[in-house]
Amino acid sequence: SHPDGPANLSQADYLCFLQWPNLTHYIFGVDGVRVFL
């Protein structure tokens, strides 16, 4: 979650997600949910 902000993809999120290329990644923010692969 991004409890105080939008579900934007941060640089840290980007680098983390690259470590798990076979998984789906969900970010929950105050503006909804975004999904990344």
ModelCIF file with pLDDT and N, C-alpha, C, O atoms, coordinates in Angstrom:
data_MODEL
#
_entry.id   MODEL 
#
_entity.id                         1 
_entity.type                       polymer 
_entity.pdbx_number_of_molecules   1 
#
_entity_poly.entity_id                      1 
_entity_poly.type                           'polypeptide(L)' 
_entity_poly.nstd_linkage                   no 
_entity_poly.nstd_monomer                   no 
_entity_poly.pdbx_seq_one_letter_code       SHPDGPANLSQADYLCFLQWPNLTHYIFGVDGVRVFL 
_entity_poly.pdbx_seq_one_letter_code_can   SHPDGPANLSQADYLCFLQWPNLTHYIFGVDGVRVFL 
_entity_poly.pdbx_strand_id                 A 
#
loop_
_entity_poly_seq.entity_id 
_entity_poly_seq.num 
_entity_poly_seq.mon_id 
_entity_poly_seq.hetero 
1 1  SER n 
1 2  HIS n 
1 3  PRO n 
1 4  ASP n 
1 5  GLY n 
1 6  PRO n 
1 7  ALA n 
1 8  ASN n 
1 9  LEU n 
1 10 SER n 
1 11 GLN n 
1 12 ALA n 
1 13 ASP n 
1 14 TYR n 
1 15 LEU n 
1 16 CYS n 
1 17 PHE n 
1 18 LEU n 
1 19 GLN n 
1 20 TRP n 
1 21 PRO n 
1 22 ASN n 
1 23 LEU n 
1 24 THR n 
1 25 HIS n 
1 26 TYR n 
1 27 ILE n 
1 28 PHE n 
1 29 GLY n 
1 30 VAL n 
1 31 ASP n 
1 32 GLY n 
1 33 VAL n 
1 34 ARG n 
1 35 VAL n 
1 36 PHE n 
1 37 LEU n 
#
_struct_asym.id          A 
_struct_asym.entity_id   1 
#
loop_
_ma_qa_metric.id 
_ma_qa_metric.mode 
_ma_qa_metric.name 
_ma_qa_metric.software_group_id 
_ma_qa_metric.type 
1 global pLDDT . pLDDT 
2 local  pLDDT . pLDDT 
#
_ma_qa_metric_global.metric_id      1 
_ma_qa_metric_global.metric_value   96.24 
_ma_qa_metric_global.model_id       1 
_ma_qa_metric_global.ordinal_id     1 
#
loop_
_ma_qa_metric_local.label_asym_id 
_ma_qa_metric_local.label_comp_id 
_ma_qa_metric_local.label_seq_id 
_ma_qa_metric_local.metric_id 
_ma_qa_metric_local.metric_value 
_ma_qa_metric_local.model_id 
_ma_qa_metric_local.ordinal_id 
A SER 1  2 97.00 1 1  
A HIS 2  2 96.00 1 2  
A PRO 3  2 95.00 1 3  
A ASP 4  2 93.00 1 4  
A GLY 5  2 95.00 1 5  
A PRO 6  2 97.00 1 6  
A ALA 7  2 97.00 1 7  
A ASN 8  2 96.00 1 8  
A LEU 9  2 96.00 1 9  
A SER 10 2 95.00 1 10 
A GLN 11 2 95.00 1 11 
A ALA 12 2 95.00 1 12 
A ASP 13 2 96.00 1 13 
A TYR 14 2 97.00 1 14 
A LEU 15 2 96.00 1 15 
A CYS 16 2 95.00 1 16 
A PHE 17 2 97.00 1 17 
A LEU 18 2 97.00 1 18 
A GLN 19 2 95.00 1 19 
A TRP 20 2 94.00 1 20 
A PRO 21 2 96.00 1 21 
A ASN 22 2 95.00 1 22 
A LEU 23 2 97.00 1 23 
A THR 24 2 97.00 1 24 
A HIS 25 2 98.00 1 25 
A TYR 26 2 98.00 1 26 
A ILE 27 2 98.00 1 27 
A PHE 28 2 97.00 1 28 
A GLY 29 2 97.00 1 29 
A VAL 30 2 97.00 1 30 
A ASP 31 2 96.00 1 31 
A GLY 32 2 95.00 1 32 
A VAL 33 2 96.00 1 33 
A ARG 34 2 97.00 1 34 
A VAL 35 2 98.00 1 35 
A PHE 36 2 98.00 1 36 
A LEU 37 2 97.00 1 37 
#
loop_
_atom_site.group_PDB 
_atom_site.id 
_atom_site.type_symbol 
_atom_site.label_atom_id 
_atom_site.label_alt_id 
_atom_site.label_comp_id 
_atom_site.label_asym_id 
_atom_site.label_entity_id 
_atom_site.label_seq_id 
_atom_site.pdbx_PDB_ins_code 
_atom_site.Cartn_x 
_atom_site.Cartn_y 
_atom_site.Cartn_z 
_atom_site.occupancy 
_atom_site.B_iso_or_equiv 
_atom_site.pdbx_formal_charge 
_atom_site.auth_seq_id 
_atom_site.auth_comp_id 
_atom_site.auth_asym_id 
_atom_site.auth_atom_id 
_atom_site.pdbx_PDB_model_num 
ATOM 1   N N  . SER A 1 1  ? 0.820  -1.205  0.000   1.00 97.00 ? 1  SER A N  1 
ATOM 2   C CA . SER A 1 1  ? 0.000  0.000   0.000   1.00 97.00 ? 1  SER A CA 1 
ATOM 3   C C  . SER A 1 1  ? 0.855  1.256   0.000   1.00 97.00 ? 1  SER A C  1 
ATOM 4   O O  . SER A 1 1  ? 1.993  1.267   0.469   1.00 97.00 ? 1  SER A O  1 
ATOM 5   N N  . HIS A 1 2  ? 0.271  2.302   -0.537  1.00 96.00 ? 2  HIS A N  1 
ATOM 6   C CA . HIS A 1 2  ? 0.775  3.670   -0.407  1.00 96.00 ? 2  HIS A CA 1 
ATOM 7   C C  . HIS A 1 2  ? -0.319 4.402   0.371   1.00 96.00 ? 2  HIS A C  1 
ATOM 8   O O  . HIS A 1 2  ? -1.157 5.068   -0.237  1.00 96.00 ? 2  HIS A O  1 
ATOM 9   N N  . PRO A 1 3  ? -0.330 4.291   1.704   1.00 95.00 ? 3  PRO A N  1 
ATOM 10  C CA . PRO A 1 3  ? -1.473 4.745   2.498   1.00 95.00 ? 3  PRO A CA 1 
ATOM 11  C C  . PRO A 1 3  ? -1.733 6.243   2.472   1.00 95.00 ? 3  PRO A C  1 
ATOM 12  O O  . PRO A 1 3  ? -2.846 6.685   2.756   1.00 95.00 ? 3  PRO A O  1 
ATOM 13  N N  . ASP A 1 4  ? -0.728 7.015   2.139   1.00 93.00 ? 4  ASP A N  1 
ATOM 14  C CA . ASP A 1 4  ? -0.903 8.473   2.141   1.00 93.00 ? 4  ASP A CA 1 
ATOM 15  C C  . ASP A 1 4  ? -0.766 9.091   0.756   1.00 93.00 ? 4  ASP A C  1 
ATOM 16  O O  . ASP A 1 4  ? -0.653 10.309  0.626   1.00 93.00 ? 4  ASP A O  1 
ATOM 17  N N  . GLY A 1 5  ? -0.776 8.257   -0.274  1.00 95.00 ? 5  GLY A N  1 
ATOM 18  C CA . GLY A 1 5  ? -0.579 8.803   -1.606  1.00 95.00 ? 5  GLY A CA 1 
ATOM 19  C C  . GLY A 1 5  ? -1.151 7.919   -2.685  1.00 95.00 ? 5  GLY A C  1 
ATOM 20  O O  . GLY A 1 5  ? -1.765 6.890   -2.403  1.00 95.00 ? 5  GLY A O  1 
ATOM 21  N N  . PRO A 1 6  ? -0.945 8.330   -3.941  1.00 97.00 ? 6  PRO A N  1 
ATOM 22  C CA . PRO A 1 6  ? -1.467 7.564   -5.068  1.00 97.00 ? 6  PRO A CA 1 
ATOM 23  C C  . PRO A 1 6  ? -0.695 6.263   -5.280  1.00 97.00 ? 6  PRO A C  1 
ATOM 24  O O  . PRO A 1 6  ? 0.393  6.074   -4.735  1.00 97.00 ? 6  PRO A O  1 
ATOM 25  N N  . ALA A 1 7  ? -1.268 5.389   -6.065  1.00 97.00 ? 7  ALA A N  1 
ATOM 26  C CA . ALA A 1 7  ? -0.683 4.083   -6.354  1.00 97.00 ? 7  ALA A CA 1 
ATOM 27  C C  . ALA A 1 7  ? 0.370  4.177   -7.464  1.00 97.00 ? 7  ALA A C  1 
ATOM 28  O O  . ALA A 1 7  ? 0.457  3.301   -8.324  1.00 97.00 ? 7  ALA A O  1 
ATOM 29  N N  . ASN A 1 8  ? 1.154  5.233   -7.435  1.00 96.00 ? 8  ASN A N  1 
ATOM 30  C CA . ASN A 1 8  ? 2.199  5.430   -8.442  1.00 96.00 ? 8  ASN A CA 1 
ATOM 31  C C  . ASN A 1 8  ? 3.355  4.471   -8.228  1.00 96.00 ? 8  ASN A C  1 
ATOM 32  O O  . ASN A 1 8  ? 3.657  4.087   -7.098  1.00 96.00 ? 8  ASN A O  1 
ATOM 33  N N  . LEU A 1 9  ? 3.991  4.093   -9.306  1.00 96.00 ? 9  LEU A N  1 
ATOM 34  C CA . LEU A 1 9  ? 5.158  3.214   -9.280  1.00 96.00 ? 9  LEU A CA 1 
ATOM 35  C C  . LEU A 1 9  ? 6.389  4.037   -8.930  1.00 96.00 ? 9  LEU A C  1 
ATOM 36  O O  . LEU A 1 9  ? 6.810  4.887   -9.715  1.00 96.00 ? 9  LEU A O  1 
ATOM 37  N N  . SER A 1 10 ? 6.966  3.795   -7.764  1.00 95.00 ? 10 SER A N  1 
ATOM 38  C CA . SER A 1 10 ? 8.191  4.500   -7.373  1.00 95.00 ? 10 SER A CA 1 
ATOM 39  C C  . SER A 1 10 ? 9.404  3.792   -7.966  1.00 95.00 ? 10 SER A C  1 
ATOM 40  O O  . SER A 1 10 ? 9.300  2.667   -8.455  1.00 95.00 ? 10 SER A O  1 
ATOM 41  N N  . GLN A 1 11 ? 10.535 4.450   -7.919  1.00 95.00 ? 11 GLN A N  1 
ATOM 42  C CA . GLN A 1 11 ? 11.768 3.821   -8.393  1.00 95.00 ? 11 GLN A CA 1 
ATOM 43  C C  . GLN A 1 11 ? 12.080 2.580   -7.564  1.00 95.00 ? 11 GLN A C  1 
ATOM 44  O O  . GLN A 1 11 ? 12.509 1.561   -8.105  1.00 95.00 ? 11 GLN A O  1 
ATOM 45  N N  . ALA A 1 12 ? 11.862 2.664   -6.243  1.00 95.00 ? 12 ALA A N  1 
ATOM 46  C CA . ALA A 1 12 ? 12.100 1.507   -5.379  1.00 95.00 ? 12 ALA A CA 1 
ATOM 47  C C  . ALA A 1 12 ? 11.165 0.357   -5.743  1.00 95.00 ? 12 ALA A C  1 
ATOM 48  O O  . ALA A 1 12 ? 11.588 -0.798  -5.769  1.00 95.00 ? 12 ALA A O  1 
ATOM 49  N N  . ASP A 1 13 ? 9.888  0.666   -6.025  1.00 96.00 ? 13 ASP A N  1 
ATOM 50  C CA . ASP A 1 13 ? 8.943  -0.364  -6.458  1.00 96.00 ? 13 ASP A CA 1 
ATOM 51  C C  . ASP A 1 13 ? 9.418  -1.009  -7.753  1.00 96.00 ? 13 ASP A C  1 
ATOM 52  O O  . ASP A 1 13 ? 9.406  -2.233  -7.887  1.00 96.00 ? 13 ASP A O  1 
ATOM 53  N N  . TYR A 1 14 ? 9.835  -0.181  -8.704  1.00 97.00 ? 14 TYR A N  1 
ATOM 54  C CA . TYR A 1 14 ? 10.290 -0.671  -10.004 1.00 97.00 ? 14 TYR A CA 1 
ATOM 55  C C  . TYR A 1 14 ? 11.432 -1.675  -9.817  1.00 97.00 ? 14 TYR A C  1 
ATOM 56  O O  . TYR A 1 14 ? 11.397 -2.776  -10.367 1.00 97.00 ? 14 TYR A O  1 
ATOM 57  N N  . LEU A 1 15 ? 12.435 -1.284  -9.041  1.00 96.00 ? 15 LEU A N  1 
ATOM 58  C CA . LEU A 1 15 ? 13.598 -2.151  -8.831  1.00 96.00 ? 15 LEU A CA 1 
ATOM 59  C C  . LEU A 1 15 ? 13.213 -3.430  -8.090  1.00 96.00 ? 15 LEU A C  1 
ATOM 60  O O  . LEU A 1 15 ? 13.740 -4.503  -8.384  1.00 96.00 ? 15 LEU A O  1 
ATOM 61  N N  . CYS A 1 16 ? 12.301 -3.315  -7.136  1.00 95.00 ? 16 CYS A N  1 
ATOM 62  C CA . CYS A 1 16 ? 11.829 -4.493  -6.404  1.00 95.00 ? 16 CYS A CA 1 
ATOM 63  C C  . CYS A 1 16 ? 11.105 -5.458  -7.343  1.00 95.00 ? 16 CYS A C  1 
ATOM 64  O O  . CYS A 1 16 ? 11.361 -6.662  -7.324  1.00 95.00 ? 16 CYS A O  1 
ATOM 65  N N  . PHE A 1 17 ? 10.203 -4.924  -8.161  1.00 97.00 ? 17 PHE A N  1 
ATOM 66  C CA . PHE A 1 17 ? 9.414  -5.768  -9.053  1.00 97.00 ? 17 PHE A CA 1 
ATOM 67  C C  . PHE A 1 17 ? 10.299 -6.510  -10.054 1.00 97.00 ? 17 PHE A C  1 
ATOM 68  O O  . PHE A 1 17 ? 9.987  -7.636  -10.443 1.00 97.00 ? 17 PHE A O  1 
ATOM 69  N N  . LEU A 1 18 ? 11.389 -5.890  -10.466 1.00 97.00 ? 18 LEU A N  1 
ATOM 70  C CA . LEU A 1 18 ? 12.315 -6.562  -11.385 1.00 97.00 ? 18 LEU A CA 1 
ATOM 71  C C  . LEU A 1 18 ? 12.907 -7.830  -10.778 1.00 97.00 ? 18 LEU A C  1 
ATOM 72  O O  . LEU A 1 18 ? 13.291 -8.750  -11.501 1.00 97.00 ? 18 LEU A O  1 
ATOM 73  N N  . GLN A 1 19 ? 12.979 -7.875  -9.458  1.00 95.00 ? 19 GLN A N  1 
ATOM 74  C CA . GLN A 1 19 ? 13.523 -9.052  -8.776  1.00 95.00 ? 19 GLN A CA 1 
ATOM 75  C C  . GLN A 1 19 ? 12.543 -10.230 -8.773  1.00 95.00 ? 19 GLN A C  1 
ATOM 76  O O  . GLN A 1 19 ? 12.928 -11.364 -8.488  1.00 95.00 ? 19 GLN A O  1 
ATOM 77  N N  . TRP A 1 20 ? 11.290 -9.955  -9.090  1.00 94.00 ? 20 TRP A N  1 
ATOM 78  C CA . TRP A 1 20 ? 10.236 -10.973 -9.097  1.00 94.00 ? 20 TRP A CA 1 
ATOM 79  C C  . TRP A 1 20 ? 9.514  -10.943 -10.450 1.00 94.00 ? 20 TRP A C  1 
ATOM 80  O O  . TRP A 1 20 ? 8.324  -10.632 -10.504 1.00 94.00 ? 20 TRP A O  1 
ATOM 81  N N  . PRO A 1 21 ? 10.226 -11.264 -11.548 1.00 96.00 ? 21 PRO A N  1 
ATOM 82  C CA . PRO A 1 21 ? 9.646  -11.093 -12.894 1.00 96.00 ? 21 PRO A CA 1 
ATOM 83  C C  . PRO A 1 21 ? 8.487  -12.023 -13.219 1.00 96.00 ? 21 PRO A C  1 
ATOM 84  O O  . PRO A 1 21 ? 7.754  -11.770 -14.176 1.00 96.00 ? 21 PRO A O  1 
ATOM 85  N N  . ASN A 1 22 ? 8.303  -13.076 -12.462 1.00 95.00 ? 22 ASN A N  1 
ATOM 86  C CA . ASN A 1 22 ? 7.225  -14.019 -12.763 1.00 95.00 ? 22 ASN A CA 1 
ATOM 87  C C  . ASN A 1 22 ? 5.955  -13.767 -11.958 1.00 95.00 ? 22 ASN A C  1 
ATOM 88  O O  . ASN A 1 22 ? 4.992  -14.529 -12.048 1.00 95.00 ? 22 ASN A O  1 
ATOM 89  N N  . LEU A 1 23 ? 5.958  -12.685 -11.167 1.00 97.00 ? 23 LEU A N  1 
ATOM 90  C CA . LEU A 1 23 ? 4.803  -12.377 -10.328 1.00 97.00 ? 23 LEU A CA 1 
ATOM 91  C C  . LEU A 1 23 ? 4.076  -11.135 -10.820 1.00 97.00 ? 23 LEU A C  1 
ATOM 92  O O  . LEU A 1 23 ? 4.652  -10.292 -11.507 1.00 97.00 ? 23 LEU A O  1 
ATOM 93  N N  . THR A 1 24 ? 2.819  -11.037 -10.463 1.00 97.00 ? 24 THR A N  1 
ATOM 94  C CA . THR A 1 24 ? 2.045  -9.818  -10.642 1.00 97.00 ? 24 THR A CA 1 
ATOM 95  C C  . THR A 1 24 ? 2.266  -8.971  -9.391  1.00 97.00 ? 24 THR A C  1 
ATOM 96  O O  . THR A 1 24 ? 2.481  -9.509  -8.305  1.00 97.00 ? 24 THR A O  1 
ATOM 97  N N  . HIS A 1 25 ? 2.214  -7.644  -9.542  1.00 98.00 ? 25 HIS A N  1 
ATOM 98  C CA . HIS A 1 25 ? 2.480  -6.750  -8.418  1.00 98.00 ? 25 HIS A CA 1 
ATOM 99  C C  . HIS A 1 25 ? 1.365  -5.710  -8.326  1.00 98.00 ? 25 HIS A C  1 
ATOM 100 O O  . HIS A 1 25 ? 1.086  -4.997  -9.290  1.00 98.00 ? 25 HIS A O  1 
ATOM 101 N N  . TYR A 1 26 ? 0.734  -5.634  -7.158  1.00 98.00 ? 26 TYR A N  1 
ATOM 102 C CA . TYR A 1 26 ? -0.371 -4.710  -6.913  1.00 98.00 ? 26 TYR A CA 1 
ATOM 103 C C  . TYR A 1 26 ? 0.090  -3.589  -5.984  1.00 98.00 ? 26 TYR A C  1 
ATOM 104 O O  . TYR A 1 26 ? 0.761  -3.834  -4.981  1.00 98.00 ? 26 TYR A O  1 
ATOM 105 N N  . ILE A 1 27 ? -0.278 -2.365  -6.332  1.00 98.00 ? 27 ILE A N  1 
ATOM 106 C CA . ILE A 1 27 ? -0.061 -1.218  -5.446  1.00 98.00 ? 27 ILE A CA 1 
ATOM 107 C C  . ILE A 1 27 ? -1.425 -0.607  -5.160  1.00 98.00 ? 27 ILE A C  1 
ATOM 108 O O  . ILE A 1 27 ? -2.171 -0.261  -6.076  1.00 98.00 ? 27 ILE A O  1 
ATOM 109 N N  . PHE A 1 28 ? -1.739 -0.479  -3.873  1.00 97.00 ? 28 PHE A N  1 
ATOM 110 C CA . PHE A 1 28 ? -2.987 0.132   -3.417  1.00 97.00 ? 28 PHE A CA 1 
ATOM 111 C C  . PHE A 1 28 ? -2.687 1.530   -2.904  1.00 97.00 ? 28 PHE A C  1 
ATOM 112 O O  . PHE A 1 28 ? -1.873 1.695   -1.995  1.00 97.00 ? 28 PHE A O  1 
ATOM 113 N N  . GLY A 1 29 ? -3.337 2.540   -3.476  1.00 97.00 ? 29 GLY A N  1 
ATOM 114 C CA . GLY A 1 29 ? -3.147 3.919   -3.045  1.00 97.00 ? 29 GLY A CA 1 
ATOM 115 C C  . GLY A 1 29 ? -4.474 4.582   -2.730  1.00 97.00 ? 29 GLY A C  1 
ATOM 116 O O  . GLY A 1 29 ? -5.532 3.960   -2.823  1.00 97.00 ? 29 GLY A O  1 
ATOM 117 N N  . VAL A 1 30 ? -4.406 5.838   -2.359  1.00 97.00 ? 30 VAL A N  1 
ATOM 118 C CA . VAL A 1 30 ? -5.631 6.574   -2.040  1.00 97.00 ? 30 VAL A CA 1 
ATOM 119 C C  . VAL A 1 30 ? -6.512 6.761   -3.276  1.00 97.00 ? 30 VAL A C  1 
ATOM 120 O O  . VAL A 1 30 ? -7.699 7.067   -3.158  1.00 97.00 ? 30 VAL A O  1 
ATOM 121 N N  . ASP A 1 31 ? -5.930 6.576   -4.453  1.00 96.00 ? 31 ASP A N  1 
ATOM 122 C CA . ASP A 1 31 ? -6.663 6.742   -5.713  1.00 96.00 ? 31 ASP A CA 1 
ATOM 123 C C  . ASP A 1 31 ? -7.071 5.418   -6.353  1.00 96.00 ? 31 ASP A C  1 
ATOM 124 O O  . ASP A 1 31 ? -7.578 5.414   -7.475  1.00 96.00 ? 31 ASP A O  1 
ATOM 125 N N  . GLY A 1 32 ? -6.865 4.305   -5.671  1.00 95.00 ? 32 GLY A N  1 
ATOM 126 C CA . GLY A 1 32 ? -7.245 3.014   -6.228  1.00 95.00 ? 32 GLY A CA 1 
ATOM 127 C C  . GLY A 1 32 ? -6.082 2.045   -6.301  1.00 95.00 ? 32 GLY A C  1 
ATOM 128 O O  . GLY A 1 32 ? -5.102 2.163   -5.566  1.00 95.00 ? 32 GLY A O  1 
ATOM 129 N N  . VAL A 1 33 ? -6.215 1.077   -7.212  1.00 96.00 ? 33 VAL A N  1 
ATOM 130 C CA . VAL A 1 33 ? -5.235 -0.002  -7.348  1.00 96.00 ? 33 VAL A CA 1 
ATOM 131 C C  . VAL A 1 33 ? -4.625 0.040   -8.738  1.00 96.00 ? 33 VAL A C  1 
ATOM 132 O O  . VAL A 1 33 ? -5.322 0.258   -9.730  1.00 96.00 ? 33 VAL A O  1 
ATOM 133 N N  . ARG A 1 34 ? -3.312 -0.171  -8.798  1.00 97.00 ? 34 ARG A N  1 
ATOM 134 C CA . ARG A 1 34 ? -2.632 -0.324  -10.086 1.00 97.00 ? 34 ARG A CA 1 
ATOM 135 C C  . ARG A 1 34 ? -1.901 -1.657  -10.066 1.00 97.00 ? 34 ARG A C  1 
ATOM 136 O O  . ARG A 1 34 ? -1.447 -2.117  -9.019  1.00 97.00 ? 34 ARG A O  1 
ATOM 137 N N  . VAL A 1 35 ? -1.792 -2.274  -11.248 1.00 98.00 ? 35 VAL A N  1 
ATOM 138 C CA . VAL A 1 35 ? -1.213 -3.606  -11.368 1.00 98.00 ? 35 VAL A CA 1 
ATOM 139 C C  . VAL A 1 35 ? -0.056 -3.558  -12.351 1.00 98.00 ? 35 VAL A C  1 
ATOM 140 O O  . VAL A 1 35 ? -0.142 -2.925  -13.403 1.00 98.00 ? 35 VAL A O  1 
ATOM 141 N N  . PHE A 1 36 ? 1.033  -4.241  -11.991 1.00 98.00 ? 36 PHE A N  1 
ATOM 142 C CA . PHE A 1 36 ? 2.246  -4.217  -12.797 1.00 98.00 ? 36 PHE A CA 1 
ATOM 143 C C  . PHE A 1 36 ? 2.773  -5.628  -13.010 1.00 98.00 ? 36 PHE A C  1 
ATOM 144 O O  . PHE A 1 36 ? 2.636  -6.504  -12.156 1.00 98.00 ? 36 PHE A O  1 
ATOM 145 N N  . LEU A 1 37 ? 3.386  -5.820  -14.189 1.00 97.00 ? 37 LEU A N  1 
ATOM 146 C CA . LEU A 1 37 ? 4.069  -7.054  -14.552 1.00 97.00 ? 37 LEU A CA 1 
ATOM 147 C C  . LEU A 1 37 ? 5.441  -6.691  -15.098 1.00 97.00 ? 37 LEU A C  1 
ATOM 148 O O  . LEU A 1 37 ? 6.209  -7.575  -15.474 1.00 97.00 ? 37 LEU A O  1 
#
